[in-house]
Every structure is written in C-alpha cells, then in structure tokens.
Amino acid sequence: MQKGNVAWFSAGKGFGFITPEGSSEDIYINIKIVRDAGFEALESGQAVGYETGDGQDGRPSVVKLTLL
C-alpha cells in the first residue's frame, strides 16, 4: 500500500486528490472510494494509505483507501 496526504477533497463535488509521498503529481480519488472505506469526507493534510488502478481516463486513480 502506498502512502500520501490528502491534497484537496470536496464531498459536495464528489472527488479530491491525494499527493503521494515523494511525488508532486496528485492522484484522483472519487467519493465512492472514500465511502467504501467507511468515511464521508477527507480533510486536507490527512495521512492516508491507498492503492491505485486505472481511472476512466487511463490515468491512475485511488481504488482502495485507509487512514493512517
């Protein structure tokens, strides 16, 4: 599982981004993944563990999430 921090998240918009440790390229996260992990929202700066897969546009997207 990779580690990173929440860069930005909006429950109202239904998505956000995680900044991986050691990288500046943010990874998309959909609210469905957040809810599947048992949460309603994320806060900027929160430490998270995550796994990625291919998103709908072919770019990496978070497919599994846990708070650290």
Protein backbone atom coordinates (compact mmCIF):
# COMPACT_ATOMS: atom_id res chain seq x y z
CA MET A 1 0.00 0.00 0.00
CA GLN A 2 1.31 3.44 -0.92
CA LYS A 3 1.25 6.41 1.46
CA GLY A 4 0.40 10.05 0.91
CA ASN A 5 -1.59 13.03 2.14
CA VAL A 6 -4.92 14.47 1.09
CA ALA A 7 -4.20 17.50 -1.09
CA TRP A 8 -7.82 18.54 -1.51
CA PHE A 9 -11.25 16.91 -1.17
CA SER A 10 -14.81 18.14 -1.65
CA ALA A 11 -17.68 15.89 -0.60
CA GLY A 12 -20.04 18.28 -2.39
CA LYS A 13 -18.19 17.84 -5.68
CA GLY A 14 -17.66 14.14 -5.03
CA PHE A 15 -13.91 13.94 -5.55
CA GLY A 16 -10.47 15.07 -4.47
CA PHE A 17 -6.76 14.42 -4.82
CA ILE A 18 -4.02 12.70 -2.85
CA THR A 19 -0.35 13.69 -3.06
CA PRO A 20 1.85 10.58 -2.88
CA GLU A 21 4.92 10.56 -0.62
CA GLY A 22 7.94 11.57 -2.68
CA SER A 23 5.92 12.90 -5.62
CA SER A 24 4.18 16.09 -6.60
CA GLU A 25 1.75 14.52 -9.08
CA ASP A 26 -1.65 14.25 -7.38
CA ILE A 27 -3.87 11.18 -7.75
CA TYR A 28 -7.65 11.43 -8.21
CA ILE A 29 -10.00 9.92 -5.61
CA ASN A 30 -13.76 9.57 -6.03
CA ILE A 31 -16.15 9.90 -3.09
CA LYS A 32 -17.34 6.32 -3.68
CA ILE A 33 -13.89 5.03 -2.64
CA VAL A 34 -13.98 7.25 0.46
CA ARG A 35 -17.44 5.95 1.43
CA ASP A 36 -16.43 2.33 0.71
CA ALA A 37 -13.66 2.86 3.29
CA GLY A 38 -16.29 3.97 5.84
CA PHE A 39 -15.84 7.75 5.67
CA GLU A 40 -17.99 10.62 4.43
CA ALA A 41 -15.17 13.04 3.63
CA LEU A 42 -11.43 13.66 3.92
CA GLU A 43 -9.56 16.65 5.32
CA SER A 44 -6.64 18.36 3.60
CA GLY A 45 -3.36 17.12 5.05
CA GLN A 46 -4.73 13.80 6.36
CA ALA A 47 -2.25 10.92 6.06
CA VAL A 48 -3.67 8.05 4.02
CA GLY A 49 -2.70 4.68 2.66
CA TYR A 50 -4.03 3.79 -0.75
CA GLU A 51 -3.86 1.52 -3.78
CA THR A 52 -4.21 2.75 -7.34
CA GLY A 53 -5.72 1.40 -10.52
CA ASP A 54 -6.53 2.81 -13.93
CA GLY A 55 -9.11 5.58 -13.88
CA GLN A 56 -11.76 6.14 -16.55
CA ASP A 57 -9.40 8.42 -18.44
CA GLY A 58 -6.47 5.98 -18.23
CA ARG A 59 -4.65 7.93 -15.52
CA PRO A 60 -4.05 6.45 -12.05
CA SER A 61 -6.95 6.69 -9.62
CA VAL A 62 -7.31 5.56 -5.99
CA VAL A 63 -9.20 2.25 -5.76
CA LYS A 64 -8.68 1.45 -2.05
CA LEU A 65 -8.19 3.81 0.90
CA THR A 66 -7.31 3.69 4.59
CA LEU A 67 -6.48 6.44 7.07
CA LEU A 68 -3.06 6.30 8.74
